[in-house]
Structure formats: structure tokens, C-alpha cells
Amino acid sequence: MKIIIQSIADKGIKGKERLVLKVKSDTDIGDYIIIQAEYSDEQVTTSTYNTFWFPYKAVSAGDLVVLYSKSGRDNEKEFKSGLKTHFFYWGLDSSIWGRKDRAPVLLHSPEWISKKPEEL
């Protein structure tokens, strides 16, 4: 994948907790989804709890993508090197990564389909 999960900083600390992703190759972050999945017997399961679909935005190799659990306004910081850190906010009322039975799963999903509720 063009983006990898690098770390979870300040696990379980409300207002500070954040997932840090590293961009390995130029891509669009909007093609990615983070799922908080159950973790049991040394692997993730198909049970899911929270999902965050990133908005469409070009990111470059070497950039960081930081997803805070808290509410906030998306922004970015550019460094002298030209690399950027892109900040996104999940909008949750509490921290979610302080548990040993939950793990982040990064999905690359550039293709998808939906239907209007009234069409179903």
C-alpha cells in the first residue's frame, strides 16, 4: 500500500490521542478508510466499532497523515523540506485506542458504489 500505519500516539488520552500514518508513495488520502476492529487471538476480527473515511486530498511520499480521535478542523503544516503533515479529526467524544482488544485497520478502497436510500 502507498500508506502505512506508523503509530498511535497518546493512546487512551482524551483530546491527545491520534493515529499517525506515513505516506510511502504519492496518492489521494480519500481512497483510504480507517476501521477500528476487534483484536483477538493475535489478529483482527470482522467485528468493527468506528470507521473514518478520509476526505479526498492529494498527499505526497514522505508526508504524514495524523488522525485525531477528537473534534477539530482539518488542516496541514508544511515544513522547509516541502513535506507536509495533514491533520484530520474523527469527531469522537472519547479516546478509542487505549484498549488491547481494538486495532486499527487501514483499507485502500479507491472503487466503491452507493445508492440513494430512496432508490432501495
N, C-alpha and C. Protein backbone atom coordinates (compact mmCIF):
# COMPACT_ATOMS: atom_id res chain seq x y z
N MET A 1 0.85 -1.19 0.00
CA MET A 1 0.00 0.00 0.00
C MET A 1 0.88 1.24 0.00
N LYS A 2 0.30 2.31 -0.44
CA LYS A 2 1.03 3.57 -0.53
C LYS A 2 1.06 4.33 0.79
N ILE A 3 0.27 3.89 1.75
CA ILE A 3 0.23 4.50 3.08
C ILE A 3 0.30 3.37 4.09
N ILE A 4 1.05 3.60 5.17
CA ILE A 4 1.15 2.59 6.22
C ILE A 4 0.78 3.21 7.58
N ILE A 5 0.35 2.36 8.49
CA ILE A 5 0.11 2.79 9.86
C ILE A 5 1.47 2.85 10.56
N GLN A 6 1.82 4.01 11.07
CA GLN A 6 3.11 4.18 11.72
C GLN A 6 3.01 4.00 13.24
N SER A 7 2.01 4.65 13.86
CA SER A 7 1.90 4.55 15.32
C SER A 7 0.57 5.11 15.79
N ILE A 8 0.29 4.86 17.08
CA ILE A 8 -0.80 5.53 17.77
C ILE A 8 -0.13 6.30 18.90
N ALA A 9 -0.28 7.62 18.89
CA ALA A 9 0.33 8.47 19.91
C ALA A 9 -0.69 8.79 21.00
N ASP A 10 -0.23 8.82 22.23
CA ASP A 10 -1.06 9.16 23.39
C ASP A 10 -2.32 8.31 23.48
N LYS A 11 -2.16 7.00 23.33
CA LYS A 11 -3.28 6.04 23.41
C LYS A 11 -4.10 6.26 24.67
N GLY A 12 -5.41 6.36 24.50
CA GLY A 12 -6.32 6.44 25.62
C GLY A 12 -6.41 7.80 26.28
N ILE A 13 -5.66 8.79 25.81
CA ILE A 13 -5.70 10.12 26.42
C ILE A 13 -6.63 11.01 25.60
N LYS A 14 -7.79 11.29 26.18
CA LYS A 14 -8.81 12.10 25.51
C LYS A 14 -8.23 13.46 25.11
N GLY A 15 -8.47 13.84 23.86
CA GLY A 15 -8.01 15.12 23.36
C GLY A 15 -6.62 15.11 22.76
N LYS A 16 -5.83 14.08 23.04
CA LYS A 16 -4.47 13.99 22.50
C LYS A 16 -4.27 12.79 21.58
N GLU A 17 -5.06 11.75 21.80
CA GLU A 17 -4.90 10.50 21.07
C GLU A 17 -4.97 10.73 19.56
N ARG A 18 -4.03 10.10 18.84
CA ARG A 18 -4.01 10.26 17.39
C ARG A 18 -3.32 9.08 16.72
N LEU A 19 -3.79 8.76 15.55
CA LEU A 19 -3.23 7.71 14.71
C LEU A 19 -2.32 8.40 13.70
N VAL A 20 -1.10 7.90 13.55
CA VAL A 20 -0.13 8.52 12.64
C VAL A 20 0.14 7.57 11.48
N LEU A 21 -0.07 8.06 10.27
CA LEU A 21 0.15 7.29 9.05
C LEU A 21 1.30 7.92 8.27
N LYS A 22 2.06 7.10 7.57
CA LYS A 22 3.17 7.57 6.75
C LYS A 22 2.86 7.30 5.28
N VAL A 23 3.01 8.33 4.45
CA VAL A 23 2.76 8.20 3.01
C VAL A 23 4.04 7.68 2.35
N LYS A 24 3.97 6.52 1.72
CA LYS A 24 5.13 5.91 1.06
C LYS A 24 5.25 6.31 -0.41
N SER A 25 4.11 6.57 -1.07
CA SER A 25 4.07 6.98 -2.48
C SER A 25 2.94 7.98 -2.65
N ASP A 26 3.09 8.89 -3.60
CA ASP A 26 2.04 9.87 -3.87
C ASP A 26 0.71 9.16 -4.08
N THR A 27 -0.34 9.70 -3.47
CA THR A 27 -1.66 9.09 -3.57
C THR A 27 -2.71 10.11 -3.13
N ASP A 28 -3.94 9.69 -3.09
CA ASP A 28 -5.03 10.51 -2.56
C ASP A 28 -5.53 9.85 -1.28
N ILE A 29 -5.47 10.57 -0.19
CA ILE A 29 -5.88 10.02 1.10
C ILE A 29 -7.36 9.65 1.10
N GLY A 30 -8.15 10.24 0.23
CA GLY A 30 -9.57 9.93 0.14
C GLY A 30 -9.88 8.53 -0.35
N ASP A 31 -8.85 7.82 -0.80
CA ASP A 31 -9.01 6.42 -1.20
C ASP A 31 -8.81 5.46 -0.04
N TYR A 32 -8.70 6.01 1.18
CA TYR A 32 -8.39 5.19 2.35
C TYR A 32 -9.43 5.35 3.45
N ILE A 33 -9.63 4.26 4.18
CA ILE A 33 -10.57 4.21 5.28
C ILE A 33 -9.86 3.57 6.47
N ILE A 34 -10.07 4.13 7.66
CA ILE A 34 -9.58 3.52 8.90
C ILE A 34 -10.77 2.88 9.59
N ILE A 35 -10.59 1.65 10.03
CA ILE A 35 -11.61 0.94 10.79
C ILE A 35 -11.02 0.55 12.14
N GLN A 36 -11.76 0.79 13.19
CA GLN A 36 -11.38 0.26 14.49
C GLN A 36 -12.01 -1.13 14.58
N ALA A 37 -11.16 -2.14 14.58
CA ALA A 37 -11.64 -3.52 14.58
C ALA A 37 -11.29 -4.22 15.89
N GLU A 38 -12.05 -5.26 16.18
CA GLU A 38 -11.75 -6.08 17.34
C GLU A 38 -10.44 -6.83 17.09
N TYR A 39 -9.65 -7.00 18.15
CA TYR A 39 -8.40 -7.73 18.08
C TYR A 39 -8.46 -8.88 19.08
N SER A 40 -8.32 -10.10 18.59
CA SER A 40 -8.44 -11.28 19.44
C SER A 40 -7.56 -12.39 18.89
N ASP A 41 -6.94 -13.15 19.77
CA ASP A 41 -6.09 -14.27 19.35
C ASP A 41 -5.02 -13.84 18.35
N GLU A 42 -4.39 -12.70 18.64
CA GLU A 42 -3.28 -12.18 17.83
C GLU A 42 -3.65 -11.78 16.40
N GLN A 43 -4.94 -11.43 16.17
CA GLN A 43 -5.35 -10.97 14.83
C GLN A 43 -6.61 -10.12 14.93
N VAL A 44 -6.85 -9.33 13.88
CA VAL A 44 -8.09 -8.57 13.84
C VAL A 44 -9.23 -9.51 13.45
N THR A 45 -10.43 -9.15 13.88
CA THR A 45 -11.61 -9.93 13.52
C THR A 45 -12.48 -9.08 12.59
N THR A 46 -13.60 -9.61 12.19
CA THR A 46 -14.51 -8.86 11.32
C THR A 46 -15.46 -7.96 12.12
N SER A 47 -15.36 -7.96 13.44
CA SER A 47 -16.17 -7.06 14.27
C SER A 47 -15.56 -5.66 14.21
N THR A 48 -16.38 -4.67 13.89
CA THR A 48 -15.89 -3.29 13.77
C THR A 48 -16.67 -2.36 14.70
N TYR A 49 -16.03 -1.25 15.07
CA TYR A 49 -16.63 -0.33 16.03
C TYR A 49 -16.74 1.09 15.51
N ASN A 50 -15.69 1.64 14.97
CA ASN A 50 -15.70 3.00 14.44
C ASN A 50 -15.02 3.00 13.08
N THR A 51 -15.49 3.88 12.20
CA THR A 51 -14.93 3.97 10.85
C THR A 51 -14.70 5.43 10.49
N PHE A 52 -13.57 5.72 9.84
CA PHE A 52 -13.29 7.06 9.35
C PHE A 52 -12.84 6.97 7.90
N TRP A 53 -13.59 7.62 7.02
CA TRP A 53 -13.24 7.69 5.61
C TRP A 53 -12.62 9.05 5.38
N PHE A 54 -11.36 9.08 4.96
CA PHE A 54 -10.67 10.34 4.74
C PHE A 54 -11.29 11.11 3.58
N PRO A 55 -11.33 12.45 3.67
CA PRO A 55 -11.79 13.25 2.54
C PRO A 55 -10.73 13.22 1.43
N TYR A 56 -11.15 13.48 0.21
CA TYR A 56 -10.21 13.47 -0.91
C TYR A 56 -9.22 14.62 -0.80
N LYS A 57 -7.93 14.25 -0.85
CA LYS A 57 -6.85 15.23 -0.77
C LYS A 57 -5.56 14.54 -1.21
N ALA A 58 -4.83 15.16 -2.11
CA ALA A 58 -3.55 14.60 -2.56
C ALA A 58 -2.53 14.68 -1.43
N VAL A 59 -1.79 13.60 -1.25
CA VAL A 59 -0.70 13.56 -0.29
C VAL A 59 0.53 13.01 -1.02
N SER A 60 1.71 13.38 -0.54
CA SER A 60 2.94 13.03 -1.24
C SER A 60 3.82 12.10 -0.42
N ALA A 61 4.67 11.37 -1.11
CA ALA A 61 5.61 10.47 -0.44
C ALA A 61 6.39 11.24 0.61
N GLY A 62 6.48 10.68 1.81
CA GLY A 62 7.19 11.32 2.90
C GLY A 62 6.30 12.11 3.83
N ASP A 63 5.10 12.46 3.38
CA ASP A 63 4.16 13.19 4.23
C ASP A 63 3.67 12.30 5.36
N LEU A 64 3.19 12.94 6.42
CA LEU A 64 2.48 12.24 7.48
C LEU A 64 1.02 12.61 7.44
N VAL A 65 0.17 11.69 7.81
CA VAL A 65 -1.26 11.92 7.97
C VAL A 65 -1.58 11.60 9.42
N VAL A 66 -2.13 12.58 10.12
CA VAL A 66 -2.43 12.42 11.54
C VAL A 66 -3.94 12.49 11.72
N LEU A 67 -4.52 11.44 12.31
CA LEU A 67 -5.96 11.39 12.55
C LEU A 67 -6.21 11.43 14.06
N TYR A 68 -6.67 12.58 14.54
CA TYR A 68 -7.04 12.73 15.95
C TYR A 68 -8.40 12.10 16.18
N SER A 69 -8.59 11.51 17.34
CA SER A 69 -9.89 10.95 17.70
C SER A 69 -10.90 12.05 18.01
N LYS A 70 -10.44 13.17 18.50
CA LYS A 70 -11.29 14.29 18.92
C LYS A 70 -11.84 15.08 17.73
N SER A 71 -12.65 16.08 18.04
CA SER A 71 -13.16 17.01 17.03
C SER A 71 -12.12 18.08 16.75
N GLY A 72 -12.19 18.66 15.58
CA GLY A 72 -11.28 19.73 15.19
C GLY A 72 -11.51 20.08 13.74
N ARG A 73 -10.69 20.97 13.25
CA ARG A 73 -10.80 21.40 11.85
C ARG A 73 -9.60 20.88 11.07
N ASP A 74 -9.85 20.18 9.98
CA ASP A 74 -8.77 19.65 9.16
C ASP A 74 -7.83 20.77 8.73
N ASN A 75 -6.53 20.48 8.77
CA ASN A 75 -5.54 21.46 8.32
C ASN A 75 -4.25 20.74 7.97
N GLU A 76 -3.23 21.51 7.61
CA GLU A 76 -1.94 20.92 7.29
C GLU A 76 -0.83 21.87 7.70
N LYS A 77 0.35 21.30 7.88
CA LYS A 77 1.53 22.09 8.20
C LYS A 77 2.61 21.69 7.22
N GLU A 78 3.20 22.69 6.55
CA GLU A 78 4.28 22.41 5.60
C GLU A 78 5.61 22.76 6.24
N PHE A 79 6.61 21.93 5.98
CA PHE A 79 7.94 22.12 6.53
C PHE A 79 8.88 22.66 5.45
N LYS A 80 10.02 23.17 5.85
CA LYS A 80 11.01 23.73 4.91
C LYS A 80 11.42 22.72 3.85
N SER A 81 11.39 21.46 4.22
CA SER A 81 11.77 20.39 3.29
C SER A 81 10.75 20.21 2.17
N GLY A 82 9.56 20.80 2.34
CA GLY A 82 8.48 20.62 1.37
C GLY A 82 7.51 19.53 1.77
N LEU A 83 7.90 18.71 2.75
CA LEU A 83 6.99 17.68 3.24
C LEU A 83 5.91 18.33 4.10
N LYS A 84 4.79 17.63 4.23
CA LYS A 84 3.65 18.16 4.98
C LYS A 84 3.16 17.13 5.98
N THR A 85 2.52 17.65 7.03
CA THR A 85 1.73 16.82 7.91
C THR A 85 0.29 17.26 7.73
N HIS A 86 -0.58 16.32 7.42
CA HIS A 86 -2.00 16.58 7.17
C HIS A 86 -2.78 16.13 8.41
N PHE A 87 -3.55 17.03 8.99
CA PHE A 87 -4.28 16.74 10.22
C PHE A 87 -5.77 16.57 9.92
N PHE A 88 -6.33 15.46 10.41
CA PHE A 88 -7.75 15.17 10.27
C PHE A 88 -8.31 14.85 11.65
N TYR A 89 -9.64 15.02 11.79
CA TYR A 89 -10.29 14.86 13.09
C TYR A 89 -11.51 13.98 12.95
N TRP A 90 -11.57 12.94 13.78
CA TRP A 90 -12.62 11.93 13.74
C TRP A 90 -13.92 12.45 14.32
N GLY A 91 -13.84 13.35 15.29
CA GLY A 91 -15.05 13.91 15.89
C GLY A 91 -15.67 13.05 16.98
N LEU A 92 -14.89 12.17 17.59
CA LEU A 92 -15.40 11.30 18.64
C LEU A 92 -15.36 12.00 19.99
N ASP A 93 -16.24 11.60 20.89
CA ASP A 93 -16.33 12.20 22.23
C ASP A 93 -15.33 11.62 23.22
N SER A 94 -14.70 10.51 22.87
CA SER A 94 -13.76 9.88 23.79
C SER A 94 -12.62 9.23 23.01
N SER A 95 -11.58 8.85 23.72
CA SER A 95 -10.48 8.13 23.09
C SER A 95 -10.94 6.70 22.76
N ILE A 96 -10.32 6.09 21.77
CA ILE A 96 -10.75 4.74 21.36
C ILE A 96 -9.61 3.74 21.26
N TRP A 97 -8.36 4.17 21.38
CA TRP A 97 -7.24 3.27 21.12
C TRP A 97 -6.56 2.77 22.39
N GLY A 98 -7.09 3.03 23.56
CA GLY A 98 -6.45 2.61 24.79
C GLY A 98 -6.76 1.18 25.21
N ARG A 99 -7.42 0.43 24.38
CA ARG A 99 -7.82 -0.95 24.71
C ARG A 99 -6.94 -1.95 23.97
N LYS A 100 -6.66 -3.05 24.61
CA LYS A 100 -5.84 -4.09 23.98
C LYS A 100 -6.64 -4.98 23.03
N ASP A 101 -7.97 -4.83 23.05
CA ASP A 101 -8.81 -5.66 22.18
C ASP A 101 -9.34 -4.88 20.97
N ARG A 102 -8.68 -3.78 20.63
CA ARG A 102 -9.05 -2.98 19.44
C ARG A 102 -7.79 -2.66 18.66
N ALA A 103 -7.88 -2.71 17.33
CA ALA A 103 -6.72 -2.42 16.48
C ALA A 103 -7.17 -1.62 15.26
N PRO A 104 -6.30 -0.74 14.76
CA PRO A 104 -6.63 -0.01 13.54
C PRO A 104 -6.39 -0.88 12.31
N VAL A 105 -7.29 -0.75 11.36
CA VAL A 105 -7.15 -1.42 10.06
C VAL A 105 -7.24 -0.33 9.00
N LEU A 106 -6.26 -0.27 8.13
CA LEU A 106 -6.25 0.70 7.03
C LEU A 106 -6.67 -0.01 5.76
N LEU A 107 -7.75 0.48 5.16
CA LEU A 107 -8.25 -0.10 3.91
C LEU A 107 -7.97 0.84 2.75
N HIS A 108 -7.53 0.29 1.65
CA HIS A 108 -7.39 1.05 0.41
C HIS A 108 -8.61 0.73 -0.44
N SER A 109 -9.46 1.70 -0.66
CA SER A 109 -10.73 1.47 -1.33
C SER A 109 -11.01 2.52 -2.39
N PRO A 110 -10.23 2.50 -3.47
CA PRO A 110 -10.43 3.53 -4.50
C PRO A 110 -11.71 3.36 -5.32
N GLU A 111 -12.29 2.19 -5.28
CA GLU A 111 -13.54 1.97 -6.01
C GLU A 111 -14.65 1.61 -5.04
N TRP A 112 -15.79 2.21 -5.22
CA TRP A 112 -16.94 1.92 -4.36
C TRP A 112 -18.20 2.35 -5.08
N ILE A 113 -19.32 1.92 -4.58
CA ILE A 113 -20.61 2.27 -5.17
C ILE A 113 -21.60 2.50 -4.04
N SER A 114 -22.52 3.41 -4.27
CA SER A 114 -23.57 3.64 -3.28
C SER A 114 -24.88 3.89 -4.01
N LYS A 115 -25.96 3.88 -3.26
CA LYS A 115 -27.29 4.17 -3.80
C LYS A 115 -27.98 5.11 -2.84
N LYS A 116 -28.82 5.96 -3.40
CA LYS A 116 -29.64 6.83 -2.57
C LYS A 116 -30.63 5.96 -1.81
N PRO A 117 -30.88 6.28 -0.54
CA PRO A 117 -31.82 5.46 0.24
C PRO A 117 -33.18 5.29 -0.44
N GLU A 118 -33.65 6.33 -1.11
CA GLU A 118 -34.97 6.23 -1.74
C GLU A 118 -34.97 5.32 -2.98
N GLU A 119 -33.80 4.96 -3.46
CA GLU A 119 -33.71 4.05 -4.61
C GLU A 119 -33.74 2.58 -4.18
N LEU A 120 -33.70 2.34 -2.91
CA LEU A 120 -33.63 0.95 -2.44
C LEU A 120 -34.97 0.47 -1.93
